[in-house]
Amino acid sequence: MAEMTSDRARLVELTEKSRTSLASLSAMLGRNPSYLQQFVRKGSPRKLEEADRRKLAEFFGVDEVELGADPDLQRAGKTGDLQTVDFIAVPRLALDASAGPGAFSAEEISFDAFRFSRRWLREMGLEGADLSAIRVEGDSMEPTLRSGDEIFVDRNKRSGEGIHVVRIGDTLHVKQVQASAPGRITLISANEAYAPIDLAREEVEVIGRVVWKGGRI
């Protein structure tokens, strides 16, 4: 294992603090899942490429210097000035969306927030989305979503098929939503151990579509 330099240690710290994973961040960069793991553990590559470093800095809302940028070049304005970047807060709600039997819906009060640059959201196709972050519980959506994953829910997207957070009575579920017979809806788990749930459409309130996930590896 390579000596843990300050930029690699800071990347690990930021990853843990944001409750995402190095594999998810590697995918965000368009790299293979082990890219950042190799950077952290083996020091390969020795330095992050400028585009990767900038995107990570924007994701975490930190200065690129914390991730290994040359401070002199930063001051000269050659690597971009994050002070001018427009950041948007995504509220983290004290709710759990069950990928299992069902989680009781607590009052929707934000206890924290993620900060993302508007440019990063635009690159992810999420500009203009009404986003909230909540945690997944249970194993019925594995391997797509795992217990403990943090998911972003776009409340502007409540129709169509896809993975959605839905409310049934007083419980929240995260499921693949599929139309079935007229006036009915089917909730499907990724884990085949769980049978599909068929309900009348009026029994289900669609909260929003899951558009991003992050979690520990």
C-alpha atoms as a PDB file:
ATOM      1  CA  MET A   1       0.000   0.000   0.000  1.00  0.00           C
ATOM      2  CA  ALA A   2       1.349   3.401  -1.007  1.00  0.00           C
ATOM      3  CA  GLU A   3       2.021   6.082   1.603  1.00  0.00           C
ATOM      4  CA  MET A   4      -1.223   7.959   2.255  1.00  0.00           C
ATOM      5  CA  THR A   5      -0.600  11.479   0.983  1.00  0.00           C
ATOM      6  CA  SER A   6      -2.710  14.397   2.198  1.00  0.00           C
ATOM      7  CA  ASP A   7      -4.769  14.597  -0.990  1.00  0.00           C
ATOM      8  CA  ARG A   8      -5.629  10.882  -0.892  1.00  0.00           C
ATOM      9  CA  ALA A   9      -6.453  11.041   2.824  1.00  0.00           C
ATOM     10  CA  ARG A  10      -8.680  14.046   2.187  1.00  0.00           C
ATOM     11  CA  LEU A  11     -10.492  12.192  -0.605  1.00  0.00           C
ATOM     12  CA  VAL A  12     -11.205   9.288   1.759  1.00  0.00           C
ATOM     13  CA  GLU A  13     -12.413  11.707   4.446  1.00  0.00           C
ATOM     14  CA  LEU A  14     -14.733  13.550   2.058  1.00  0.00           C
ATOM     15  CA  THR A  15     -16.071  10.290   0.640  1.00  0.00           C
ATOM     16  CA  GLU A  16     -16.945   8.954   4.080  1.00  0.00           C
ATOM     17  CA  LYS A  17     -18.439  12.264   5.192  1.00  0.00           C
ATOM     18  CA  SER A  18     -20.706  12.425   2.144  1.00  0.00           C
ATOM     19  CA  ARG A  19     -21.759   8.772   2.649  1.00  0.00           C
ATOM     20  CA  THR A  20     -20.887   7.831  -0.906  1.00  0.00           C
ATOM     21  CA  SER A  21     -18.219   5.410  -2.130  1.00  0.00           C
ATOM     22  CA  LEU A  22     -15.032   5.496  -4.175  1.00  0.00           C
ATOM     23  CA  ALA A  23     -16.662   3.154  -6.683  1.00  0.00           C
ATOM     24  CA  SER A  24     -19.658   5.493  -7.134  1.00  0.00           C
ATOM     25  CA  LEU A  25     -17.363   8.484  -7.526  1.00  0.00           C
ATOM     26  CA  SER A  26     -15.261   6.594 -10.084  1.00  0.00           C
ATOM     27  CA  ALA A  27     -18.427   5.914 -12.076  1.00  0.00           C
ATOM     28  CA  MET A  28     -19.341   9.595 -11.844  1.00  0.00           C
ATOM     29  CA  LEU A  29     -15.979  10.384 -13.454  1.00  0.00           C
ATOM     30  CA  GLY A  30     -16.639   7.875 -16.219  1.00  0.00           C
ATOM     31  CA  ARG A  31     -13.897   5.588 -14.929  1.00  0.00           C
ATOM     32  CA  ASN A  32     -13.835   1.922 -13.983  1.00  0.00           C
ATOM     33  CA  PRO A  33     -15.110   1.232 -10.424  1.00  0.00           C
ATOM     34  CA  SER A  34     -11.620   0.594  -9.007  1.00  0.00           C
ATOM     35  CA  TYR A  35     -10.077   3.828 -10.361  1.00  0.00           C
ATOM     36  CA  LEU A  36     -10.203   5.893  -7.153  1.00  0.00           C
ATOM     37  CA  GLN A  37      -9.598   2.848  -4.955  1.00  0.00           C
ATOM     38  CA  GLN A  38      -6.299   2.290  -6.771  1.00  0.00           C
ATOM     39  CA  PHE A  39      -5.448   5.981  -6.470  1.00  0.00           C
ATOM     40  CA  VAL A  40      -6.071   5.897  -2.699  1.00  0.00           C
ATOM     41  CA  ARG A  41      -4.553   2.509  -1.870  1.00  0.00           C
ATOM     42  CA  LYS A  42      -1.776   2.144  -4.437  1.00  0.00           C
ATOM     43  CA  GLY A  43      -1.019   5.714  -5.473  1.00  0.00           C
ATOM     44  CA  SER A  44      -1.849   4.918  -9.096  1.00  0.00           C
ATOM     45  CA  PRO A  45      -2.228   7.363 -10.720  1.00  0.00           C
ATOM     46  CA  ARG A  46       0.152   9.440  -8.612  1.00  0.00           C
ATOM     47  CA  LYS A  47      -1.995  12.538  -9.162  1.00  0.00           C
ATOM     48  CA  LEU A  48      -5.589  12.867 -10.301  1.00  0.00           C
ATOM     49  CA  GLU A  49      -6.100  14.280 -13.751  1.00  0.00           C
ATOM     50  CA  GLU A  50      -7.180  17.906 -13.674  1.00  0.00           C
ATOM     51  CA  ALA A  51     -10.675  17.230 -15.066  1.00  0.00           C
ATOM     52  CA  ASP A  52     -11.274  14.441 -12.529  1.00  0.00           C
ATOM     53  CA  ARG A  53      -9.979  16.539  -9.651  1.00  0.00           C
ATOM     54  CA  ARG A  54     -12.147  19.496 -10.648  1.00  0.00           C
ATOM     55  CA  LYS A  55     -15.280  17.377 -10.884  1.00  0.00           C
ATOM     56  CA  LEU A  56     -14.617  15.821  -7.467  1.00  0.00           C
ATOM     57  CA  ALA A  57     -13.949  19.236  -5.931  1.00  0.00           C
ATOM     58  CA  GLU A  58     -17.223  20.527  -7.336  1.00  0.00           C
ATOM     59  CA  PHE A  59     -19.059  17.444  -6.063  1.00  0.00           C
ATOM     60  CA  PHE A  60     -17.741  17.884  -2.519  1.00  0.00           C
ATOM     61  CA  GLY A  61     -17.836  21.685  -2.548  1.00  0.00           C
ATOM     62  CA  VAL A  62     -14.156  22.084  -1.671  1.00  0.00           C
ATOM     63  CA  ASP A  63     -11.116  23.793  -3.145  1.00  0.00           C
ATOM     64  CA  GLU A  64      -9.140  21.716  -5.647  1.00  0.00           C
ATOM     65  CA  VAL A  65      -6.007  22.276  -3.558  1.00  0.00           C
ATOM     66  CA  GLU A  66      -7.454  19.870  -0.973  1.00  0.00           C
ATOM     67  CA  LEU A  67      -7.366  17.160  -3.645  1.00  0.00           C
ATOM     68  CA  GLY A  68      -3.840  17.819  -4.839  1.00  0.00           C
ATOM     69  CA  ALA A  69      -4.006  20.889  -7.106  1.00  0.00           C
ATOM     70  CA  ASP A  70      -0.978  23.165  -7.134  1.00  0.00           C
ATOM     71  CA  PRO A  71      -1.894  26.135  -4.870  1.00  0.00           C
ATOM     72  CA  ASP A  72       0.205  28.537  -6.933  1.00  0.00           C
ATOM     73  CA  LEU A  73      -1.677  27.586 -10.096  1.00  0.00           C
ATOM     74  CA  GLN A  74      -4.940  27.905  -8.190  1.00  0.00           C
ATOM     75  CA  ARG A  75      -4.064  31.443  -7.150  1.00  0.00           C
ATOM     76  CA  ALA A  76      -3.092  32.269 -10.715  1.00  0.00           C
ATOM     77  CA  GLY A  77      -6.545  31.159 -11.838  1.00  0.00           C
ATOM     78  CA  LYS A  78      -5.235  28.437 -14.144  1.00  0.00           C
ATOM     79  CA  THR A  79      -7.294  25.626 -12.617  1.00  0.00           C
ATOM     80  CA  GLY A  80     -10.597  27.399 -12.049  1.00  0.00           C
ATOM     81  CA  ASP A  81     -11.941  29.384  -9.106  1.00  0.00           C
ATOM     82  CA  LEU A  82     -14.468  27.480  -7.033  1.00  0.00           C
ATOM     83  CA  GLN A  83     -15.388  30.655  -5.188  1.00  0.00           C
ATOM     84  CA  THR A  84     -17.377  31.686  -8.250  1.00  0.00           C
ATOM     85  CA  VAL A  85     -19.151  28.342  -8.644  1.00  0.00           C
ATOM     86  CA  ASP A  86     -22.873  28.395  -7.920  1.00  0.00           C
ATOM     87  CA  PHE A  87     -23.635  25.628  -5.411  1.00  0.00           C
ATOM     88  CA  ILE A  88     -27.034  24.116  -4.718  1.00  0.00           C
ATOM     89  CA  ALA A  89     -27.984  22.403  -1.453  1.00  0.00           C
ATOM     90  CA  VAL A  90     -29.800  19.067  -1.621  1.00  0.00           C
ATOM     91  CA  PRO A  91     -31.577  18.518   1.730  1.00  0.00           C
ATOM     92  CA  ARG A  92     -31.055  15.243   3.572  1.00  0.00           C
ATOM     93  CA  LEU A  93     -34.307  14.162   5.174  1.00  0.00           C
ATOM     94  CA  ALA A  94     -34.666  12.161   8.374  1.00  0.00           C
ATOM     95  CA  LEU A  95     -36.508   9.449   6.458  1.00  0.00           C
ATOM     96  CA  ASP A  96     -35.745   5.898   5.392  1.00  0.00           C
ATOM     97  CA  ALA A  97     -37.161   4.462   2.157  1.00  0.00           C
ATOM     98  CA  SER A  98     -37.524   0.776   2.799  1.00  0.00           C
ATOM     99  CA  ALA A  99     -36.257  -1.717   0.260  1.00  0.00           C
ATOM    100  CA  GLY A 100     -37.908  -4.343   2.421  1.00  0.00           C
ATOM    101  CA  PRO A 101     -41.052  -4.547   4.555  1.00  0.00           C
ATOM    102  CA  GLY A 102     -41.609  -0.793   4.810  1.00  0.00           C
ATOM    103  CA  ALA A 103     -40.248   2.138   6.803  1.00  0.00           C
ATOM    104  CA  PHE A 104     -42.451   4.440   8.823  1.00  0.00           C
ATOM    105  CA  SER A 105     -42.451   7.924   7.373  1.00  0.00           C
ATOM    106  CA  ALA A 106     -41.124  10.450   9.856  1.00  0.00           C
ATOM    107  CA  GLU A 107     -41.729  14.167   9.539  1.00  0.00           C
ATOM    108  CA  GLU A 108     -39.898  15.500   6.502  1.00  0.00           C
ATOM    109  CA  ILE A 109     -37.441  17.860   8.181  1.00  0.00           C
ATOM    110  CA  SER A 110     -33.985  18.362   6.728  1.00  0.00           C
ATOM    111  CA  PHE A 111     -31.195  17.590   9.206  1.00  0.00           C
ATOM    112  CA  ASP A 112     -28.291  18.140   6.825  1.00  0.00           C
ATOM    113  CA  ALA A 113     -27.567  18.841   3.162  1.00  0.00           C
ATOM    114  CA  PHE A 114     -25.274  17.874   0.307  1.00  0.00           C
ATOM    115  CA  ARG A 115     -23.771  20.730  -1.714  1.00  0.00           C
ATOM    116  CA  PHE A 116     -23.325  20.338  -5.457  1.00  0.00           C
ATOM    117  CA  SER A 117     -22.224  22.761  -8.113  1.00  0.00           C
ATOM    118  CA  ARG A 118     -24.869  23.721 -10.622  1.00  0.00           C
ATOM    119  CA  ARG A 119     -22.487  22.603 -13.379  1.00  0.00           C
ATOM    120  CA  TRP A 120     -22.150  19.098 -11.877  1.00  0.00           C
ATOM    121  CA  LEU A 121     -25.939  18.791 -11.607  1.00  0.00           C
ATOM    122  CA  ARG A 122     -26.258  19.907 -15.214  1.00  0.00           C
ATOM    123  CA  GLU A 123     -23.688  17.311 -16.330  1.00  0.00           C
ATOM    124  CA  MET A 124     -25.653  14.630 -14.466  1.00  0.00           C
ATOM    125  CA  GLY A 125     -28.874  15.762 -16.178  1.00  0.00           C
ATOM    126  CA  LEU A 126     -30.283  16.982 -12.842  1.00  0.00           C
ATOM    127  CA  GLU A 127     -30.431  20.737 -13.352  1.00  0.00           C
ATOM    128  CA  GLY A 128     -33.863  21.984 -12.332  1.00  0.00           C
ATOM    129  CA  ALA A 129     -34.668  18.799 -10.404  1.00  0.00           C
ATOM    130  CA  ASP A 130     -36.497  19.054  -7.069  1.00  0.00           C
ATOM    131  CA  LEU A 131     -34.085  16.839  -5.143  1.00  0.00           C
ATOM    132  CA  SER A 132     -34.197  15.344  -1.667  1.00  0.00           C
ATOM    133  CA  ALA A 133     -31.754  12.810  -0.206  1.00  0.00           C
ATOM    134  CA  ILE A 134     -32.960   9.882   1.862  1.00  0.00           C
ATOM    135  CA  ARG A 135     -31.448   6.619   3.068  1.00  0.00           C
ATOM    136  CA  VAL A 136     -32.323   3.110   1.858  1.00  0.00           C
ATOM    137  CA  GLU A 137     -33.119   0.330   4.329  1.00  0.00           C
ATOM    138  CA  GLY A 138     -33.459  -3.379   3.582  1.00  0.00           C
ATOM    139  CA  ASP A 139     -32.267  -5.729   0.862  1.00  0.00           C
ATOM    140  CA  SER A 140     -35.161  -6.088  -1.577  1.00  0.00           C
ATOM    141  CA  MET A 141     -33.547  -3.765  -4.144  1.00  0.00           C
ATOM    142  CA  GLU A 142     -30.126  -5.428  -4.048  1.00  0.00           C
ATOM    143  CA  PRO A 143     -27.887  -5.351  -5.951  1.00  0.00           C
ATOM    144  CA  THR A 144     -29.193  -2.104  -7.500  1.00  0.00           C
ATOM    145  CA  LEU A 145     -29.609  -0.393  -4.122  1.00  0.00           C
ATOM    146  CA  ARG A 146     -28.138  -1.610  -0.850  1.00  0.00           C
ATOM    147  CA  SER A 147     -29.154  -0.921   2.712  1.00  0.00           C
ATOM    148  CA  GLY A 148     -27.427   2.281   3.818  1.00  0.00           C
ATOM    149  CA  ASP A 149     -27.233   3.792   0.324  1.00  0.00           C
ATOM    150  CA  GLU A 150     -28.168   7.437   0.039  1.00  0.00           C
ATOM    151  CA  ILE A 151     -30.501   8.162  -2.878  1.00  0.00           C
ATOM    152  CA  PHE A 152     -31.568  11.377  -4.563  1.00  0.00           C
ATOM    153  CA  VAL A 153     -35.273  11.586  -5.302  1.00  0.00           C
ATOM    154  CA  ASP A 154     -36.546  14.017  -7.934  1.00  0.00           C
ATOM    155  CA  ARG A 155     -40.040  15.035  -6.853  1.00  0.00           C
ATOM    156  CA  ASN A 156     -40.642  16.577 -10.269  1.00  0.00           C
ATOM    157  CA  LYS A 157     -40.654  13.080 -11.800  1.00  0.00           C
ATOM    158  CA  ARG A 158     -43.670  11.189 -10.496  1.00  0.00           C
ATOM    159  CA  SER A 159     -44.907   9.489 -13.638  1.00  0.00           C
ATOM    160  CA  GLY A 160     -43.588   6.819 -15.956  1.00  0.00           C
ATOM    161  CA  GLU A 161     -41.711   3.660 -15.114  1.00  0.00           C
ATOM    162  CA  GLY A 162     -38.428   3.398 -13.256  1.00  0.00           C
ATOM    163  CA  ILE A 163     -37.208   3.215  -9.656  1.00  0.00           C
ATOM    164  CA  HIS A 164     -39.354   5.459  -7.474  1.00  0.00           C
ATOM    165  CA  VAL A 165     -39.954   6.209  -3.823  1.00  0.00           C
ATOM    166  CA  VAL A 166     -43.620   5.592  -3.074  1.00  0.00           C
ATOM    167  CA  ARG A 167     -45.803   5.971  -0.025  1.00  0.00           C
ATOM    168  CA  ILE A 168     -48.301   3.285   0.915  1.00  0.00           C
ATOM    169  CA  GLY A 169     -50.256   4.385   3.965  1.00  0.00           C
ATOM    170  CA  ASP A 170     -47.676   5.531   6.513  1.00  0.00           C
ATOM    171  CA  THR A 171     -44.714   3.718   4.991  1.00  0.00           C
ATOM    172  CA  LEU A 172     -42.182   4.583   2.325  1.00  0.00           C
ATOM    173  CA  HIS A 173     -40.854   2.056  -0.169  1.00  0.00           C
ATOM    174  CA  VAL A 174     -38.284   2.257  -2.952  1.00  0.00           C
ATOM    175  CA  LYS A 175     -39.304  -0.008  -5.817  1.00  0.00           C
ATOM    176  CA  GLN A 176     -39.299  -0.414  -9.561  1.00  0.00           C
ATOM    177  CA  VAL A 177     -42.684   0.998 -10.637  1.00  0.00           C
ATOM    178  CA  GLN A 178     -44.468  -0.670 -13.531  1.00  0.00           C
ATOM    179  CA  ALA A 179     -47.949  -0.114 -14.925  1.00  0.00           C
ATOM    180  CA  SER A 180     -50.052  -3.259 -15.025  1.00  0.00           C
ATOM    181  CA  ALA A 181     -53.796  -3.453 -15.680  1.00  0.00           C
ATOM    182  CA  PRO A 182     -55.724  -0.193 -16.114  1.00  0.00           C
ATOM    183  CA  GLY A 183     -55.926   1.615 -12.785  1.00  0.00           C
ATOM    184  CA  ARG A 184     -53.358  -0.636 -11.147  1.00  0.00           C
ATOM    185  CA  ILE A 185     -49.635  -0.419 -10.437  1.00  0.00           C
ATOM    186  CA  THR A 186     -46.997  -3.073  -9.775  1.00  0.00           C
ATOM    187  CA  LEU A 187     -44.037  -2.526  -7.439  1.00  0.00           C
ATOM    188  CA  ILE A 188     -41.103  -4.771  -8.328  1.00  0.00           C
ATOM    189  CA  SER A 189     -38.032  -5.596  -6.244  1.00  0.00           C
ATOM    190  CA  ALA A 190     -34.589  -6.128  -7.793  1.00  0.00           C
ATOM    191  CA  ASN A 191     -34.055  -9.005  -5.351  1.00  0.00           C
ATOM    192  CA  GLU A 192     -35.959 -11.987  -6.776  1.00  0.00           C
ATOM    193  CA  ALA A 193     -36.631 -13.276  -3.258  1.00  0.00           C
ATOM    194  CA  TYR A 194     -39.342 -10.621  -3.006  1.00  0.00           C
ATOM    195  CA  ALA A 195     -42.573 -11.074  -4.943  1.00  0.00           C
ATOM    196  CA  PRO A 196     -44.071  -8.170  -6.935  1.00  0.00           C
ATOM    197  CA  ILE A 197     -46.745  -6.122  -5.179  1.00  0.00           C
ATOM    198  CA  ASP A 198     -49.864  -5.330  -7.229  1.00  0.00           C
ATOM    199  CA  LEU A 199     -52.022  -2.455  -5.963  1.00  0.00           C
ATOM    200  CA  ALA A 200     -54.774  -0.130  -7.095  1.00  0.00           C
ATOM    201  CA  ARG A 201     -53.271   3.133  -8.351  1.00  0.00           C
ATOM    202  CA  GLU A 202     -55.052   5.192  -5.688  1.00  0.00           C
ATOM    203  CA  GLU A 203     -53.391   3.125  -2.944  1.00  0.00           C
ATOM    204  CA  VAL A 204     -49.951   4.365  -3.959  1.00  0.00           C
ATOM    205  CA  GLU A 205     -48.560   7.903  -3.734  1.00  0.00           C
ATOM    206  CA  VAL A 206     -45.502   8.317  -5.954  1.00  0.00           C
ATOM    207  CA  ILE A 207     -43.100  10.665  -4.172  1.00  0.00           C
ATOM    208  CA  GLY A 208     -40.501  10.898  -6.936  1.00  0.00           C
ATOM    209  CA  ARG A 209     -38.039   9.056  -9.130  1.00  0.00           C
ATOM    210  CA  VAL A 210     -34.651   7.884  -7.860  1.00  0.00           C
ATOM    211  CA  VAL A 211     -32.082   9.656 -10.036  1.00  0.00           C
ATOM    212  CA  TRP A 212     -28.765   9.112  -8.200  1.00  0.00           C
ATOM    213  CA  LYS A 213     -27.321   6.858  -5.529  1.00  0.00           C
ATOM    214  CA  GLY A 214     -24.223   6.795  -3.369  1.00  0.00           C
ATOM    215  CA  GLY A 215     -22.991   4.358  -0.741  1.00  0.00           C
ATOM    216  CA  ARG A 216     -20.050   2.686   0.920  1.00  0.00           C
ATOM    217  CA  ILE A 217     -18.230  -0.132  -0.859  1.00  0.00           C
END
